[in-house]
Amino acid sequence: MYMYVMADETATKMYESARKKLKELLQQEIEVKEQISHWGPIVEQLARLTGETIDPDMASRINELKHDQASAQGAGQEMGLTEAIRWVFRQPLLLPLTPTQVRDRMAEMGYDIGKYKYVMPPIHNTLKRMKEAGEIKEVDAVAGFGANAFVSAK
């Protein structure tokens, strides 16, 4: 009987140790995915700027994570305009975004901009409100990209 209890205690200790290790690994997985989600778009943007081609395996993994993020975000079309614009500014940015670039990013994420007869006025108004609320800030535009551009204030 004593051996059976010892086996249970040993098994319990092994379970606790394994559970702790799995929990640590799952946390590391979350942190690594966040880093990949951050660096993936930066690599894509830099590749476009330099004319380089991204390794197909990397591109596939970046696209897979984008798809996962889009699913988690309700695939864009279920968001309101303000939340969609907030989502755009939560993504890693190399350069400030002009209002038309914000529109383009929203379309890329699946937001239905076609529901607006004229989409730019509500985007401009939302950017203005977000700027006044301190969510984003206006910065000097990059040469050739218009009069105003915005970055996240956080």
N, C-alpha and C. Protein backbone atom coordinates (compact mmCIF):
# COMPACT_ATOMS: atom_id res chain seq x y z
N MET A 1 0.83 -1.19 0.00
CA MET A 1 0.00 0.00 0.00
C MET A 1 0.87 1.25 0.00
N TYR A 2 1.95 1.24 0.74
CA TYR A 2 2.85 2.39 0.80
C TYR A 2 3.42 2.73 -0.57
N MET A 3 3.81 1.71 -1.35
CA MET A 3 4.36 1.93 -2.69
C MET A 3 3.33 2.61 -3.59
N TYR A 4 2.06 2.23 -3.48
CA TYR A 4 1.01 2.80 -4.29
C TYR A 4 0.85 4.30 -3.99
N VAL A 5 0.89 4.66 -2.71
CA VAL A 5 0.79 6.07 -2.32
C VAL A 5 1.99 6.84 -2.83
N MET A 6 3.18 6.25 -2.74
CA MET A 6 4.38 6.91 -3.25
C MET A 6 4.27 7.15 -4.74
N ALA A 7 3.74 6.14 -5.44
CA ALA A 7 3.57 6.31 -6.88
C ALA A 7 2.63 7.46 -7.17
N ASP A 8 1.58 7.59 -6.38
CA ASP A 8 0.65 8.69 -6.56
C ASP A 8 1.32 10.03 -6.27
N GLU A 9 2.12 10.08 -5.21
CA GLU A 9 2.82 11.33 -4.89
C GLU A 9 3.82 11.67 -5.98
N THR A 10 4.54 10.67 -6.46
CA THR A 10 5.51 10.89 -7.53
C THR A 10 4.80 11.35 -8.80
N ALA A 11 3.72 10.68 -9.12
CA ALA A 11 2.96 11.06 -10.31
C ALA A 11 2.42 12.49 -10.18
N THR A 12 1.95 12.82 -8.99
CA THR A 12 1.43 14.17 -8.76
C THR A 12 2.53 15.21 -8.93
N LYS A 13 3.71 14.93 -8.38
CA LYS A 13 4.83 15.86 -8.52
C LYS A 13 5.25 15.99 -9.99
N MET A 14 5.27 14.85 -10.68
CA MET A 14 5.61 14.88 -12.11
C MET A 14 4.59 15.68 -12.90
N TYR A 15 3.30 15.48 -12.57
CA TYR A 15 2.24 16.23 -13.23
C TYR A 15 2.40 17.73 -12.99
N GLU A 16 2.61 18.12 -11.74
CA GLU A 16 2.78 19.54 -11.41
C GLU A 16 3.96 20.15 -12.15
N SER A 17 5.07 19.40 -12.22
CA SER A 17 6.26 19.87 -12.92
C SER A 17 5.98 20.02 -14.41
N ALA A 18 5.34 19.02 -14.99
CA ALA A 18 5.02 19.06 -16.42
C ALA A 18 4.03 20.18 -16.73
N ARG A 19 3.04 20.35 -15.87
CA ARG A 19 2.05 21.41 -16.06
C ARG A 19 2.71 22.78 -16.00
N LYS A 20 3.62 22.96 -15.04
CA LYS A 20 4.35 24.22 -14.91
C LYS A 20 5.18 24.50 -16.16
N LYS A 21 5.86 23.47 -16.66
CA LYS A 21 6.69 23.63 -17.86
C LYS A 21 5.82 23.99 -19.06
N LEU A 22 4.69 23.31 -19.22
CA LEU A 22 3.79 23.60 -20.34
C LEU A 22 3.27 25.02 -20.25
N LYS A 23 2.92 25.45 -19.05
CA LYS A 23 2.43 26.82 -18.86
C LYS A 23 3.50 27.84 -19.27
N GLU A 24 4.76 27.59 -18.90
CA GLU A 24 5.86 28.47 -19.29
C GLU A 24 6.02 28.51 -20.81
N LEU A 25 5.94 27.33 -21.45
CA LEU A 25 6.09 27.25 -22.90
C LEU A 25 4.95 27.97 -23.62
N LEU A 26 3.74 27.82 -23.10
CA LEU A 26 2.60 28.51 -23.71
C LEU A 26 2.76 30.03 -23.60
N GLN A 27 3.29 30.50 -22.48
CA GLN A 27 3.54 31.93 -22.32
C GLN A 27 4.61 32.39 -23.30
N GLN A 28 5.66 31.58 -23.45
CA GLN A 28 6.72 31.91 -24.42
C GLN A 28 6.15 31.95 -25.83
N GLU A 29 5.24 31.02 -26.14
CA GLU A 29 4.61 30.99 -27.46
C GLU A 29 3.87 32.30 -27.72
N ILE A 30 3.13 32.77 -26.73
CA ILE A 30 2.39 34.03 -26.87
C ILE A 30 3.36 35.17 -27.13
N GLU A 31 4.44 35.22 -26.36
CA GLU A 31 5.42 36.29 -26.52
C GLU A 31 6.10 36.23 -27.88
N VAL A 32 6.44 35.03 -28.35
CA VAL A 32 7.08 34.88 -29.65
C VAL A 32 6.11 35.29 -30.77
N LYS A 33 4.85 34.89 -30.67
CA LYS A 33 3.87 35.28 -31.68
C LYS A 33 3.71 36.80 -31.72
N GLU A 34 3.72 37.46 -30.57
CA GLU A 34 3.63 38.91 -30.54
C GLU A 34 4.84 39.54 -31.24
N GLN A 35 6.02 38.98 -30.99
CA GLN A 35 7.23 39.50 -31.65
C GLN A 35 7.18 39.27 -33.15
N ILE A 36 6.73 38.08 -33.57
CA ILE A 36 6.60 37.80 -35.00
C ILE A 36 5.58 38.74 -35.63
N SER A 37 4.47 38.95 -34.94
CA SER A 37 3.44 39.86 -35.44
C SER A 37 3.98 41.29 -35.58
N HIS A 38 4.91 41.65 -34.72
CA HIS A 38 5.52 42.97 -34.78
C HIS A 38 6.53 43.06 -35.93
N TRP A 39 7.41 42.08 -36.02
CA TRP A 39 8.51 42.13 -36.99
C TRP A 39 8.09 41.74 -38.40
N GLY A 40 7.08 40.91 -38.55
CA GLY A 40 6.63 40.48 -39.88
C GLY A 40 6.29 41.65 -40.79
N PRO A 41 5.39 42.55 -40.36
CA PRO A 41 5.04 43.69 -41.22
C PRO A 41 6.24 44.61 -41.49
N ILE A 42 7.13 44.72 -40.54
CA ILE A 42 8.31 45.56 -40.75
C ILE A 42 9.18 44.96 -41.86
N VAL A 43 9.39 43.64 -41.81
CA VAL A 43 10.17 42.97 -42.85
C VAL A 43 9.47 43.12 -44.21
N GLU A 44 8.14 42.97 -44.22
CA GLU A 44 7.39 43.14 -45.48
C GLU A 44 7.57 44.54 -46.05
N GLN A 45 7.43 45.55 -45.19
CA GLN A 45 7.56 46.94 -45.66
C GLN A 45 8.97 47.23 -46.14
N LEU A 46 9.96 46.75 -45.42
CA LEU A 46 11.34 46.97 -45.83
C LEU A 46 11.65 46.23 -47.12
N ALA A 47 11.10 45.04 -47.30
CA ALA A 47 11.30 44.29 -48.53
C ALA A 47 10.73 45.06 -49.72
N ARG A 48 9.53 45.64 -49.53
CA ARG A 48 8.93 46.45 -50.60
C ARG A 48 9.79 47.66 -50.92
N LEU A 49 10.28 48.33 -49.87
CA LEU A 49 11.12 49.52 -50.08
C LEU A 49 12.42 49.20 -50.82
N THR A 50 13.00 48.04 -50.51
CA THR A 50 14.30 47.69 -51.09
C THR A 50 14.19 46.84 -52.34
N GLY A 51 12.99 46.38 -52.66
CA GLY A 51 12.82 45.53 -53.83
C GLY A 51 13.26 44.09 -53.59
N GLU A 52 13.45 43.72 -52.34
CA GLU A 52 13.87 42.36 -52.00
C GLU A 52 12.65 41.43 -51.98
N THR A 53 12.91 40.15 -52.07
CA THR A 53 11.87 39.14 -52.00
C THR A 53 11.96 38.43 -50.65
N ILE A 54 10.84 38.32 -49.99
CA ILE A 54 10.80 37.64 -48.69
C ILE A 54 10.83 36.13 -48.93
N ASP A 55 11.58 35.43 -48.11
CA ASP A 55 11.64 33.98 -48.16
C ASP A 55 10.22 33.42 -48.11
N PRO A 56 9.86 32.49 -49.00
CA PRO A 56 8.49 31.97 -49.04
C PRO A 56 8.00 31.39 -47.71
N ASP A 57 8.90 30.72 -46.98
CA ASP A 57 8.49 30.17 -45.69
C ASP A 57 8.12 31.28 -44.71
N MET A 58 8.92 32.35 -44.71
CA MET A 58 8.63 33.49 -43.84
C MET A 58 7.33 34.15 -44.25
N ALA A 59 7.17 34.38 -45.55
CA ALA A 59 5.96 35.04 -46.05
C ALA A 59 4.72 34.23 -45.69
N SER A 60 4.82 32.92 -45.81
CA SER A 60 3.70 32.05 -45.47
C SER A 60 3.34 32.17 -44.00
N ARG A 61 4.35 32.18 -43.14
CA ARG A 61 4.11 32.27 -41.68
C ARG A 61 3.54 33.64 -41.32
N ILE A 62 4.05 34.71 -41.95
CA ILE A 62 3.53 36.05 -41.69
C ILE A 62 2.06 36.12 -42.10
N ASN A 63 1.74 35.57 -43.26
CA ASN A 63 0.35 35.58 -43.73
C ASN A 63 -0.55 34.75 -42.82
N GLU A 64 -0.03 33.65 -42.32
CA GLU A 64 -0.80 32.81 -41.38
C GLU A 64 -1.13 33.60 -40.11
N LEU A 65 -0.15 34.33 -39.58
CA LEU A 65 -0.40 35.12 -38.38
C LEU A 65 -1.36 36.27 -38.66
N LYS A 66 -1.24 36.88 -39.84
CA LYS A 66 -2.19 37.95 -40.21
C LYS A 66 -3.61 37.40 -40.24
N HIS A 67 -3.75 36.21 -40.82
CA HIS A 67 -5.07 35.58 -40.88
C HIS A 67 -5.61 35.31 -39.48
N ASP A 68 -4.75 34.81 -38.60
CA ASP A 68 -5.16 34.55 -37.22
C ASP A 68 -5.59 35.84 -36.53
N GLN A 69 -4.84 36.93 -36.77
CA GLN A 69 -5.18 38.22 -36.16
C GLN A 69 -6.50 38.74 -36.71
N ALA A 70 -6.69 38.60 -38.01
CA ALA A 70 -7.93 39.07 -38.63
C ALA A 70 -9.12 38.31 -38.07
N SER A 71 -8.97 37.01 -37.88
CA SER A 71 -10.05 36.21 -37.31
C SER A 71 -10.34 36.65 -35.89
N ALA A 72 -9.29 36.91 -35.14
CA ALA A 72 -9.45 37.35 -33.74
C ALA A 72 -10.10 38.71 -33.66
N GLN A 73 -9.88 39.52 -34.66
CA GLN A 73 -10.43 40.88 -34.65
C GLN A 73 -11.85 40.93 -35.24
N GLY A 74 -12.42 39.78 -35.58
CA GLY A 74 -13.75 39.80 -36.16
C GLY A 74 -13.70 40.06 -37.65
N ALA A 75 -12.56 39.82 -38.26
CA ALA A 75 -12.34 39.94 -39.70
C ALA A 75 -12.70 41.32 -40.25
N GLY A 76 -12.54 42.34 -39.46
CA GLY A 76 -12.65 43.71 -39.97
C GLY A 76 -14.06 44.17 -40.26
N GLN A 77 -14.82 43.39 -41.01
CA GLN A 77 -16.13 43.87 -41.44
C GLN A 77 -17.12 44.05 -40.31
N GLU A 78 -16.87 43.43 -39.15
CA GLU A 78 -17.78 43.56 -38.03
C GLU A 78 -17.45 44.76 -37.15
N MET A 79 -16.33 45.42 -37.41
CA MET A 79 -15.90 46.57 -36.61
C MET A 79 -16.59 47.83 -37.09
N GLY A 80 -16.72 48.79 -36.18
CA GLY A 80 -17.15 50.10 -36.58
C GLY A 80 -15.96 50.86 -37.15
N LEU A 81 -16.20 52.00 -37.76
CA LEU A 81 -15.15 52.78 -38.40
C LEU A 81 -14.06 53.17 -37.42
N THR A 82 -14.42 53.68 -36.26
CA THR A 82 -13.42 54.13 -35.29
C THR A 82 -12.56 52.96 -34.82
N GLU A 83 -13.18 51.82 -34.52
CA GLU A 83 -12.40 50.66 -34.06
C GLU A 83 -11.48 50.15 -35.17
N ALA A 84 -11.94 50.20 -36.41
CA ALA A 84 -11.10 49.77 -37.53
C ALA A 84 -9.87 50.68 -37.65
N ILE A 85 -10.08 51.98 -37.47
CA ILE A 85 -8.95 52.92 -37.55
C ILE A 85 -8.02 52.70 -36.36
N ARG A 86 -8.57 52.45 -35.19
CA ARG A 86 -7.72 52.14 -34.04
C ARG A 86 -6.88 50.90 -34.32
N TRP A 87 -7.50 49.88 -34.93
CA TRP A 87 -6.79 48.65 -35.26
C TRP A 87 -5.60 48.96 -36.18
N VAL A 88 -5.82 49.82 -37.16
CA VAL A 88 -4.75 50.19 -38.09
C VAL A 88 -3.56 50.78 -37.32
N PHE A 89 -3.83 51.63 -36.35
CA PHE A 89 -2.75 52.27 -35.60
C PHE A 89 -2.13 51.37 -34.54
N ARG A 90 -2.76 50.24 -34.24
CA ARG A 90 -2.14 49.27 -33.32
C ARG A 90 -1.12 48.39 -34.03
N GLN A 91 -1.13 48.41 -35.36
CA GLN A 91 -0.17 47.61 -36.12
C GLN A 91 1.17 48.33 -36.15
N PRO A 92 2.26 47.57 -36.27
CA PRO A 92 3.58 48.21 -36.34
C PRO A 92 3.70 49.07 -37.60
N LEU A 93 4.20 50.28 -37.44
CA LEU A 93 4.33 51.20 -38.57
C LEU A 93 5.77 51.67 -38.69
N LEU A 94 6.28 51.64 -39.90
CA LEU A 94 7.60 52.21 -40.15
C LEU A 94 7.51 53.72 -40.34
N LEU A 95 6.44 54.13 -41.00
CA LEU A 95 6.26 55.54 -41.32
C LEU A 95 4.87 55.98 -40.88
N PRO A 96 4.69 57.28 -40.66
CA PRO A 96 3.35 57.78 -40.34
C PRO A 96 2.39 57.49 -41.50
N LEU A 97 1.11 57.42 -41.20
CA LEU A 97 0.10 57.13 -42.22
C LEU A 97 -0.69 58.37 -42.56
N THR A 98 -0.90 58.58 -43.85
CA THR A 98 -1.79 59.63 -44.30
C THR A 98 -3.22 59.09 -44.23
N PRO A 99 -4.21 59.94 -44.30
CA PRO A 99 -5.59 59.44 -44.27
C PRO A 99 -5.89 58.43 -45.38
N THR A 100 -5.35 58.63 -46.57
CA THR A 100 -5.61 57.67 -47.64
C THR A 100 -4.92 56.33 -47.36
N GLN A 101 -3.77 56.36 -46.72
CA GLN A 101 -3.11 55.11 -46.33
C GLN A 101 -3.90 54.39 -45.25
N VAL A 102 -4.52 55.16 -44.35
CA VAL A 102 -5.39 54.55 -43.34
C VAL A 102 -6.54 53.84 -44.04
N ARG A 103 -7.14 54.49 -45.02
CA ARG A 103 -8.23 53.88 -45.80
C ARG A 103 -7.77 52.58 -46.45
N ASP A 104 -6.58 52.62 -47.05
CA ASP A 104 -6.06 51.44 -47.73
C ASP A 104 -5.80 50.29 -46.76
N ARG A 105 -5.27 50.61 -45.59
CA ARG A 105 -5.02 49.57 -44.57
C ARG A 105 -6.34 48.96 -44.10
N MET A 106 -7.36 49.80 -43.96
CA MET A 106 -8.66 49.28 -43.54
C MET A 106 -9.20 48.31 -44.58
N ALA A 107 -9.06 48.66 -45.85
CA ALA A 107 -9.52 47.79 -46.93
C ALA A 107 -8.74 46.47 -46.92
N GLU A 108 -7.43 46.55 -46.69
CA GLU A 108 -6.59 45.35 -46.63
C GLU A 108 -7.02 44.41 -45.52
N MET A 109 -7.47 44.97 -44.39
CA MET A 109 -7.86 44.12 -43.27
C MET A 109 -9.26 43.56 -43.44
N GLY A 110 -9.96 43.96 -44.49
CA GLY A 110 -11.28 43.42 -44.76
C GLY A 110 -12.43 44.33 -44.36
N TYR A 111 -12.11 45.54 -43.93
CA TYR A 111 -13.19 46.47 -43.56
C TYR A 111 -13.93 46.89 -44.84
N ASP A 112 -15.23 46.88 -44.80
CA ASP A 112 -16.04 47.20 -45.98
C ASP A 112 -16.16 48.71 -46.15
N ILE A 113 -15.21 49.29 -46.89
CA ILE A 113 -15.27 50.74 -47.14
C ILE A 113 -16.27 51.06 -48.22
N GLY A 114 -16.73 50.05 -48.96
CA GLY A 114 -17.72 50.25 -50.01
C GLY A 114 -19.08 50.66 -49.49
N LYS A 115 -19.31 50.52 -48.19
CA LYS A 115 -20.61 50.91 -47.64
C LYS A 115 -20.76 52.42 -47.53
N TYR A 116 -19.66 53.14 -47.76
CA TYR A 116 -19.71 54.60 -47.72
C TYR A 116 -19.70 55.15 -49.15
N LYS A 117 -20.57 56.10 -49.42
CA LYS A 117 -20.55 56.74 -50.73
C LYS A 117 -19.24 57.52 -50.87
N TYR A 118 -18.87 58.24 -49.82
CA TYR A 118 -17.60 58.96 -49.76
C TYR A 118 -16.95 58.58 -48.44
N VAL A 119 -15.91 57.77 -48.49
CA VAL A 119 -15.33 57.24 -47.27
C VAL A 119 -14.34 58.20 -46.60
N MET A 120 -13.73 59.10 -47.36
CA MET A 120 -12.69 59.94 -46.78
C MET A 120 -13.19 60.93 -45.73
N PRO A 121 -14.33 61.59 -45.91
CA PRO A 121 -14.78 62.52 -44.85
C PRO A 121 -14.93 61.86 -43.47
N PRO A 122 -15.58 60.69 -43.36
CA PRO A 122 -15.66 60.09 -42.02
C PRO A 122 -14.29 59.66 -41.49
N ILE A 123 -13.38 59.27 -42.38
CA ILE A 123 -12.03 58.92 -41.92
C ILE A 123 -11.34 60.16 -41.38
N HIS A 124 -11.40 61.27 -42.12
CA HIS A 124 -10.80 62.53 -41.65
C HIS A 124 -11.41 62.96 -40.32
N ASN A 125 -12.73 62.88 -40.19
CA ASN A 125 -13.39 63.28 -38.94
C ASN A 125 -12.97 62.38 -37.78
N THR A 126 -12.86 61.09 -38.03
CA THR A 126 -12.46 60.16 -36.98
C THR A 126 -11.02 60.41 -36.58
N LEU A 127 -10.13 60.63 -37.54
CA LEU A 127 -8.74 60.94 -37.23
C LEU A 127 -8.65 62.21 -36.38
N LYS A 128 -9.45 63.20 -36.73
CA LYS A 128 -9.46 64.45 -35.96
C LYS A 128 -9.91 64.20 -34.52
N ARG A 129 -10.98 63.42 -34.34
CA ARG A 129 -11.47 63.11 -32.99
C ARG A 129 -10.43 62.31 -32.20
N MET A 130 -9.80 61.34 -32.87
CA MET A 130 -8.79 60.52 -32.20
C MET A 130 -7.58 61.37 -31.81
N LYS A 131 -7.23 62.34 -32.65
CA LYS A 131 -6.13 63.25 -32.35
C LYS A 131 -6.49 64.11 -31.14
N GLU A 132 -7.69 64.65 -31.13
CA GLU A 132 -8.13 65.48 -30.01
C GLU A 132 -8.20 64.68 -28.71
N ALA A 133 -8.50 63.39 -28.81
CA ALA A 133 -8.59 62.54 -27.63
C ALA A 133 -7.21 62.03 -27.18
N GLY A 134 -6.18 62.33 -27.97
CA GLY A 134 -4.83 61.91 -27.62
C GLY A 134 -4.50 60.48 -27.99
N GLU A 135 -5.34 59.84 -28.82
CA GLU A 135 -5.07 58.46 -29.24
C GLU A 135 -4.00 58.40 -30.32
N ILE A 136 -3.99 59.40 -31.19
CA ILE A 136 -2.98 59.49 -32.24
C ILE A 136 -2.44 60.91 -32.23
N LYS A 137 -1.32 61.10 -32.91
CA LYS A 137 -0.79 62.46 -33.01
C LYS A 137 -0.42 62.73 -34.46
N GLU A 138 -0.54 63.98 -34.81
CA GLU A 138 -0.21 64.41 -36.17
C GLU A 138 1.28 64.75 -36.21
N VAL A 139 1.91 64.31 -37.28
CA VAL A 139 3.35 64.55 -37.45
C VAL A 139 3.58 65.09 -38.86
N ASP A 140 4.79 65.58 -39.08
CA ASP A 140 5.14 66.02 -40.43
C ASP A 140 5.07 64.84 -41.37
N ALA A 141 4.45 65.06 -42.51
CA ALA A 141 4.33 63.99 -43.49
C ALA A 141 5.68 63.72 -44.14
N VAL A 142 5.85 62.50 -44.56
CA VAL A 142 7.05 62.14 -45.30
C VAL A 142 6.95 62.82 -46.67
N ALA A 143 8.06 63.28 -47.19
CA ALA A 143 8.08 64.03 -48.45
C ALA A 143 7.24 63.32 -49.52
N GLY A 144 6.37 64.10 -50.13
CA GLY A 144 5.56 63.59 -51.22
C GLY A 144 4.30 62.86 -50.79
N PHE A 145 3.99 62.83 -49.50
CA PHE A 145 2.83 62.08 -49.04
C PHE A 145 1.72 62.96 -48.48
N GLY A 146 1.68 64.21 -48.83
CA GLY A 146 0.55 65.03 -48.40
C GLY A 146 0.86 65.92 -47.23
N ALA A 147 -0.19 66.61 -46.78
CA ALA A 147 -0.02 67.65 -45.76
C ALA A 147 -0.02 67.10 -44.34
N ASN A 148 -0.72 65.99 -44.09
CA ASN A 148 -0.75 65.49 -42.72
C ASN A 148 -0.61 63.98 -42.69
N ALA A 149 0.00 63.52 -41.62
CA ALA A 149 0.16 62.09 -41.39
C ALA A 149 0.03 61.86 -39.90
N PHE A 150 -0.25 60.62 -39.53
CA PHE A 150 -0.55 60.33 -38.13
C PHE A 150 0.20 59.09 -37.67
N VAL A 151 0.49 59.06 -36.38
CA VAL A 151 1.07 57.89 -35.72
C VAL A 151 0.32 57.69 -34.41
N SER A 152 0.43 56.50 -33.87
CA SER A 152 -0.19 56.21 -32.58
C SER A 152 0.47 57.07 -31.52
N ALA A 153 -0.30 57.56 -30.57
CA ALA A 153 0.24 58.38 -29.49
C ALA A 153 0.78 57.50 -28.37
N LYS A 154 0.59 56.19 -28.48
CA LYS A 154 1.01 55.29 -27.40
C LYS A 154 2.29 54.60 -27.73
